[in-house]
Each structure stands twice: as structure tokens, then as C-alpha cells.
Amino acid sequence: MSSKNQVTLPVAALRAAGVGPGDVLRVEVEEDGVFRLIRERDPWWELFDKLAGSDLGVTTREELEEMRDEWER
């Protein structure tokens, strides 16, 4: 742990857990000195994964991101 309370996680552990850049992680304290990191699911991606390939005209995550950017304006 750094002096700024930052923790570096091994790349191999991140890959094994399927965690990557942009993922949001929640920290839960299990017991003294034991933490659990839990990836938060983005409801937009869950909806996209359900509807991918359907007749919405959206076929890639990039296209979905563009649509989300337009909605936020």
C-alpha cells in the first residue's frame, strides 16, 4: 500500500478475474485485513448484451457508446 493508500493489483489476477480498464470496482470488507473487490455491472451494457444482434441497428459497443454520448447531451 502506498503512502496515498493506493493498491496495485497484479495484471495476472486482473486478467483471471476478467477485470479491465473502465470497470468500476466496489470494495467490501470481509474481516480485519481482508477485502473483496466486486465489479459493478453497468445496466447499459447488460441491456446491450441482451439486445445485441437484434433489430435495433446497433451492432457494436462503440455504436452504443456513441448513442449514450448523444443521450447525455
N, C-alpha and C. Protein backbone atom coordinates (compact mmCIF):
# COMPACT_ATOMS: atom_id res chain seq x y z
N MET A 1 0.85 -1.16 0.00
CA MET A 1 0.00 0.00 0.00
C MET A 1 0.91 1.23 0.00
N SER A 2 0.55 2.19 -0.86
CA SER A 2 1.37 3.40 -0.96
C SER A 2 1.02 4.38 0.16
N SER A 3 1.80 5.43 0.24
CA SER A 3 1.53 6.46 1.25
C SER A 3 0.22 7.19 0.97
N LYS A 4 -0.31 7.05 -0.25
CA LYS A 4 -1.59 7.66 -0.62
C LYS A 4 -2.74 6.67 -0.53
N ASN A 5 -2.50 5.54 0.14
CA ASN A 5 -3.49 4.47 0.30
C ASN A 5 -3.92 3.86 -1.03
N GLN A 6 -3.01 3.81 -1.98
CA GLN A 6 -3.29 3.19 -3.27
C GLN A 6 -2.71 1.78 -3.28
N VAL A 7 -3.41 0.88 -3.96
CA VAL A 7 -3.00 -0.51 -4.04
C VAL A 7 -2.82 -0.86 -5.51
N THR A 8 -1.75 -1.58 -5.83
CA THR A 8 -1.51 -2.07 -7.18
C THR A 8 -1.85 -3.54 -7.22
N LEU A 9 -2.68 -3.91 -8.18
CA LEU A 9 -3.08 -5.31 -8.33
C LEU A 9 -2.30 -5.96 -9.46
N PRO A 10 -1.89 -7.20 -9.29
CA PRO A 10 -1.15 -7.90 -10.35
C PRO A 10 -2.00 -8.08 -11.61
N VAL A 11 -1.38 -7.85 -12.76
CA VAL A 11 -2.07 -7.97 -14.04
C VAL A 11 -2.66 -9.37 -14.20
N ALA A 12 -1.93 -10.39 -13.81
CA ALA A 12 -2.43 -11.76 -13.95
C ALA A 12 -3.72 -11.97 -13.16
N ALA A 13 -3.79 -11.38 -11.97
CA ALA A 13 -5.01 -11.51 -11.16
C ALA A 13 -6.18 -10.78 -11.81
N LEU A 14 -5.91 -9.61 -12.38
CA LEU A 14 -6.98 -8.86 -13.06
C LEU A 14 -7.50 -9.63 -14.27
N ARG A 15 -6.58 -10.19 -15.03
CA ARG A 15 -7.00 -10.98 -16.20
C ARG A 15 -7.81 -12.19 -15.78
N ALA A 16 -7.36 -12.88 -14.75
CA ALA A 16 -8.06 -14.07 -14.27
C ALA A 16 -9.47 -13.74 -13.80
N ALA A 17 -9.63 -12.53 -13.25
CA ALA A 17 -10.95 -12.10 -12.76
C ALA A 17 -11.79 -11.47 -13.86
N GLY A 18 -11.19 -11.27 -15.05
CA GLY A 18 -11.94 -10.66 -16.14
C GLY A 18 -12.20 -9.18 -15.93
N VAL A 19 -11.31 -8.52 -15.20
CA VAL A 19 -11.46 -7.09 -14.90
C VAL A 19 -10.52 -6.32 -15.81
N GLY A 20 -11.01 -5.20 -16.34
CA GLY A 20 -10.18 -4.41 -17.24
C GLY A 20 -10.42 -2.93 -17.09
N PRO A 21 -9.71 -2.15 -17.91
CA PRO A 21 -9.85 -0.70 -17.87
C PRO A 21 -11.31 -0.28 -18.05
N GLY A 22 -11.72 0.67 -17.25
CA GLY A 22 -13.09 1.18 -17.33
C GLY A 22 -14.06 0.48 -16.41
N ASP A 23 -13.69 -0.70 -15.90
CA ASP A 23 -14.57 -1.39 -14.97
C ASP A 23 -14.61 -0.64 -13.64
N VAL A 24 -15.77 -0.62 -13.04
CA VAL A 24 -15.94 0.00 -11.73
C VAL A 24 -15.95 -1.11 -10.69
N LEU A 25 -15.10 -0.96 -9.68
CA LEU A 25 -15.00 -1.97 -8.64
C LEU A 25 -15.51 -1.42 -7.31
N ARG A 26 -16.27 -2.22 -6.63
CA ARG A 26 -16.76 -1.89 -5.29
C ARG A 26 -15.92 -2.68 -4.30
N VAL A 27 -15.58 -2.07 -3.17
CA VAL A 27 -14.78 -2.73 -2.15
C VAL A 27 -15.67 -3.10 -0.98
N GLU A 28 -15.59 -4.36 -0.57
CA GLU A 28 -16.30 -4.82 0.62
C GLU A 28 -15.26 -5.33 1.61
N VAL A 29 -15.45 -5.03 2.88
CA VAL A 29 -14.56 -5.52 3.91
C VAL A 29 -15.13 -6.83 4.43
N GLU A 30 -14.35 -7.89 4.30
CA GLU A 30 -14.77 -9.21 4.77
C GLU A 30 -14.50 -9.37 6.26
N GLU A 31 -13.29 -9.02 6.65
CA GLU A 31 -12.86 -9.08 8.05
C GLU A 31 -11.60 -8.25 8.15
N ASP A 32 -11.02 -8.18 9.31
CA ASP A 32 -9.80 -7.40 9.52
C ASP A 32 -8.72 -7.83 8.54
N GLY A 33 -8.30 -6.90 7.67
CA GLY A 33 -7.24 -7.18 6.71
C GLY A 33 -7.67 -7.92 5.46
N VAL A 34 -8.97 -8.19 5.30
CA VAL A 34 -9.45 -8.93 4.14
C VAL A 34 -10.50 -8.10 3.40
N PHE A 35 -10.22 -7.83 2.13
CA PHE A 35 -11.13 -7.07 1.28
C PHE A 35 -11.60 -7.94 0.13
N ARG A 36 -12.74 -7.59 -0.41
CA ARG A 36 -13.25 -8.25 -1.62
C ARG A 36 -13.54 -7.14 -2.63
N LEU A 37 -13.04 -7.31 -3.85
CA LEU A 37 -13.34 -6.37 -4.94
C LEU A 37 -14.41 -7.00 -5.81
N ILE A 38 -15.45 -6.22 -6.08
CA ILE A 38 -16.58 -6.72 -6.87
C ILE A 38 -16.82 -5.77 -8.03
N ARG A 39 -16.79 -6.32 -9.24
CA ARG A 39 -17.05 -5.48 -10.42
C ARG A 39 -18.53 -5.14 -10.45
N GLU A 40 -18.80 -3.86 -10.56
CA GLU A 40 -20.18 -3.39 -10.69
C GLU A 40 -20.59 -3.55 -12.14
N ARG A 41 -21.75 -4.03 -12.36
CA ARG A 41 -22.26 -4.20 -13.73
C ARG A 41 -22.94 -2.91 -14.16
N ASP A 42 -22.66 -2.51 -15.37
CA ASP A 42 -23.28 -1.33 -15.96
C ASP A 42 -24.59 -1.77 -16.59
N PRO A 43 -25.73 -1.23 -16.11
CA PRO A 43 -27.02 -1.67 -16.67
C PRO A 43 -27.14 -1.43 -18.18
N TRP A 44 -26.43 -0.43 -18.70
CA TRP A 44 -26.47 -0.19 -20.14
C TRP A 44 -25.84 -1.36 -20.88
N TRP A 45 -24.71 -1.85 -20.38
CA TRP A 45 -24.05 -2.97 -21.05
C TRP A 45 -24.88 -4.23 -20.92
N GLU A 46 -25.53 -4.43 -19.81
CA GLU A 46 -26.36 -5.62 -19.65
C GLU A 46 -27.51 -5.59 -20.66
N LEU A 47 -28.12 -4.42 -20.84
CA LEU A 47 -29.18 -4.29 -21.84
C LEU A 47 -28.62 -4.53 -23.23
N PHE A 48 -27.45 -3.96 -23.51
CA PHE A 48 -26.83 -4.15 -24.82
C PHE A 48 -26.57 -5.63 -25.08
N ASP A 49 -25.99 -6.31 -24.09
CA ASP A 49 -25.69 -7.73 -24.27
C ASP A 49 -26.96 -8.53 -24.56
N LYS A 50 -28.08 -8.16 -23.94
CA LYS A 50 -29.34 -8.86 -24.21
C LYS A 50 -29.84 -8.60 -25.62
N LEU A 51 -29.65 -7.36 -26.08
CA LEU A 51 -30.24 -6.95 -27.35
C LEU A 51 -29.27 -7.00 -28.53
N ALA A 52 -28.01 -7.29 -28.28
CA ALA A 52 -27.01 -7.30 -29.36
C ALA A 52 -27.46 -8.24 -30.48
N GLY A 53 -27.41 -7.73 -31.68
CA GLY A 53 -27.79 -8.54 -32.82
C GLY A 53 -29.27 -8.49 -33.14
N SER A 54 -30.06 -7.83 -32.28
CA SER A 54 -31.49 -7.71 -32.57
C SER A 54 -31.68 -6.59 -33.59
N ASP A 55 -32.88 -6.24 -33.87
CA ASP A 55 -33.18 -5.31 -34.95
C ASP A 55 -33.15 -3.85 -34.50
N LEU A 56 -32.22 -3.48 -33.63
CA LEU A 56 -32.12 -2.10 -33.16
C LEU A 56 -31.18 -1.26 -34.00
N GLY A 57 -30.41 -1.90 -34.88
CA GLY A 57 -29.45 -1.16 -35.69
C GLY A 57 -28.15 -0.89 -34.96
N VAL A 58 -27.96 -1.44 -33.77
CA VAL A 58 -26.73 -1.28 -33.01
C VAL A 58 -26.04 -2.63 -32.99
N THR A 59 -24.80 -2.66 -33.48
CA THR A 59 -24.12 -3.95 -33.56
C THR A 59 -22.82 -4.01 -32.78
N THR A 60 -22.30 -2.87 -32.35
CA THR A 60 -21.04 -2.89 -31.60
C THR A 60 -21.17 -2.04 -30.35
N ARG A 61 -20.30 -2.28 -29.41
CA ARG A 61 -20.28 -1.47 -28.18
C ARG A 61 -19.92 -0.02 -28.50
N GLU A 62 -19.08 0.18 -29.51
CA GLU A 62 -18.70 1.54 -29.90
C GLU A 62 -19.93 2.32 -30.36
N GLU A 63 -20.79 1.66 -31.15
CA GLU A 63 -22.03 2.33 -31.60
C GLU A 63 -22.92 2.66 -30.40
N LEU A 64 -22.99 1.75 -29.45
CA LEU A 64 -23.80 2.01 -28.26
C LEU A 64 -23.22 3.18 -27.47
N GLU A 65 -21.90 3.25 -27.34
CA GLU A 65 -21.27 4.37 -26.64
C GLU A 65 -21.60 5.69 -27.33
N GLU A 66 -21.57 5.71 -28.66
CA GLU A 66 -21.92 6.93 -29.40
C GLU A 66 -23.35 7.34 -29.09
N MET A 67 -24.27 6.37 -29.05
CA MET A 67 -25.66 6.68 -28.75
C MET A 67 -25.79 7.23 -27.33
N ARG A 68 -25.08 6.63 -26.37
CA ARG A 68 -25.13 7.09 -24.99
C ARG A 68 -24.61 8.51 -24.88
N ASP A 69 -23.54 8.82 -25.62
CA ASP A 69 -22.99 10.18 -25.61
C ASP A 69 -24.01 11.19 -26.11
N GLU A 70 -24.77 10.80 -27.13
CA GLU A 70 -25.81 11.68 -27.67
C GLU A 70 -26.93 11.90 -26.64
N TRP A 71 -27.29 10.85 -25.91
CA TRP A 71 -28.37 10.96 -24.93
C TRP A 71 -27.99 11.88 -23.77
N GLU A 72 -26.69 11.92 -23.43
CA GLU A 72 -26.23 12.70 -22.29
C GLU A 72 -26.14 14.18 -22.59
N ARG A 73 -26.25 14.57 -23.85
CA ARG A 73 -26.17 16.00 -24.22
C ARG A 73 -27.42 16.73 -23.87
